[in-house]
Protein backbone atom coordinates (compact mmCIF):
# COMPACT_ATOMS: atom_id res chain seq x y z
CA MET A 1 92.56 8.59 70.33
CA ALA A 2 93.04 11.50 67.93
CA PHE A 3 96.50 12.58 66.94
CA GLN A 4 97.35 15.98 68.46
CA LEU A 5 99.74 18.25 66.61
CA TRP A 6 102.49 20.27 68.24
CA TYR A 7 103.11 23.90 67.47
CA THR A 8 105.48 26.74 68.36
CA ASN A 9 104.41 30.27 69.26
CA TYR A 10 106.21 32.91 67.22
CA PHE A 11 105.97 36.61 68.00
CA VAL A 12 106.65 38.93 65.08
CA ASP A 13 107.46 42.58 65.92
CA ILE A 14 107.45 45.01 63.01
CA ASP A 15 109.42 48.24 63.43
CA SER A 16 108.22 49.98 60.28
CA ASP A 17 105.79 52.72 59.28
CA LYS A 18 104.57 50.42 56.52
CA THR A 19 102.30 48.03 58.36
CA VAL A 20 99.90 45.54 56.83
CA ASP A 21 97.15 43.31 58.13
CA PRO A 22 98.66 39.81 57.98
CA LYS A 23 95.28 38.40 56.90
CA ASN A 24 95.67 40.33 53.63
CA ILE A 25 98.92 38.54 52.76
CA GLU A 26 98.29 35.68 50.37
CA GLY A 27 99.81 32.45 51.71
CA ILE A 28 100.27 33.65 55.31
CA SER A 29 97.95 30.90 56.52
CA GLU A 30 100.57 28.36 55.42
CA LEU A 31 102.75 29.63 58.29
CA GLY A 32 100.08 28.82 60.85
CA GLU A 33 97.30 30.52 62.78
CA VAL A 34 97.99 34.28 62.64
CA SER A 35 96.62 37.12 64.76
CA ALA A 36 97.72 40.76 65.10
CA ASN A 37 97.44 43.64 67.56
CA GLY A 38 95.34 46.74 66.85
CA ASN A 39 98.03 48.77 65.08
CA LEU A 40 99.39 45.73 63.18
CA THR A 41 102.94 46.06 64.53
CA ALA A 42 102.92 42.79 66.45
CA TRP A 43 101.75 39.42 65.17
CA HIS A 44 101.34 36.11 66.96
CA VAL A 45 101.65 32.92 64.91
CA LYS A 46 100.97 29.38 66.12
CA SER A 47 103.03 27.38 63.66
CA GLN A 48 104.24 23.84 63.11
CA LEU A 49 107.26 25.07 61.15
CA HIS A 50 110.81 24.90 62.45
CA GLU A 51 112.20 28.33 63.36
CA ASP A 52 114.54 28.64 60.34
CA ASP A 53 111.79 27.59 57.92
CA PHE A 54 109.32 29.96 59.54
CA LYS A 55 111.69 32.93 59.25
CA ARG A 56 112.59 32.11 55.64
CA HIS A 57 108.95 31.80 54.55
CA LEU A 58 107.91 34.94 56.45
CA ASN A 59 110.73 36.98 54.90
CA GLN A 60 109.77 35.75 51.42
CA LEU A 61 106.10 36.69 51.95
CA LEU A 62 107.03 40.14 53.26
CA THR A 63 109.44 40.77 50.38
CA ASP A 64 107.04 39.60 47.68
CA GLN A 65 103.77 41.11 48.92
CA THR A 66 104.48 44.09 51.17
CA GLU A 67 106.70 47.14 51.46
CA ILE A 68 107.99 45.94 54.85
CA ASN A 69 111.74 45.40 54.89
CA PRO A 70 112.54 42.02 56.51
CA ASP A 71 115.38 43.78 58.38
CA ASP A 72 112.68 45.72 60.28
CA VAL A 73 111.12 42.49 61.55
CA THR A 74 112.10 40.68 64.74
CA VAL A 75 110.88 37.12 65.27
CA THR A 76 110.89 35.73 68.79
CA LYS A 77 110.28 32.06 69.42
CA GLY A 78 107.91 31.48 72.31
CA ILE A 79 106.86 28.38 74.19
CA ASN A 80 106.11 25.19 72.32
CA GLY A 81 102.55 24.01 72.74
CA GLY A 82 100.44 20.98 72.23
CA PRO A 83 98.34 18.47 74.12
CA LEU A 84 100.88 17.98 76.92
CA SER A 85 102.10 21.58 77.18
CA MET A 86 100.30 22.17 80.49
CA LEU A 87 101.72 19.09 82.24
């Protein structure tokens, strides 16, 4: 039986005119599996990081590599997922 990893869904809302495609941020894949909406103002991340670690790493990436102010970013923790999430 293969080991199944658990993850948390994080929703990142960006309230800024300075948007960026998250796939262009070096190191973003270390947060987890990232996708974005069409205008790049909302991201979805499936991550194995704890909420505090996730927010700290995201803020550091935004500060170092974009013009997005971390104060303009809202992170919402969604439902945890994994192999038993549908039971």
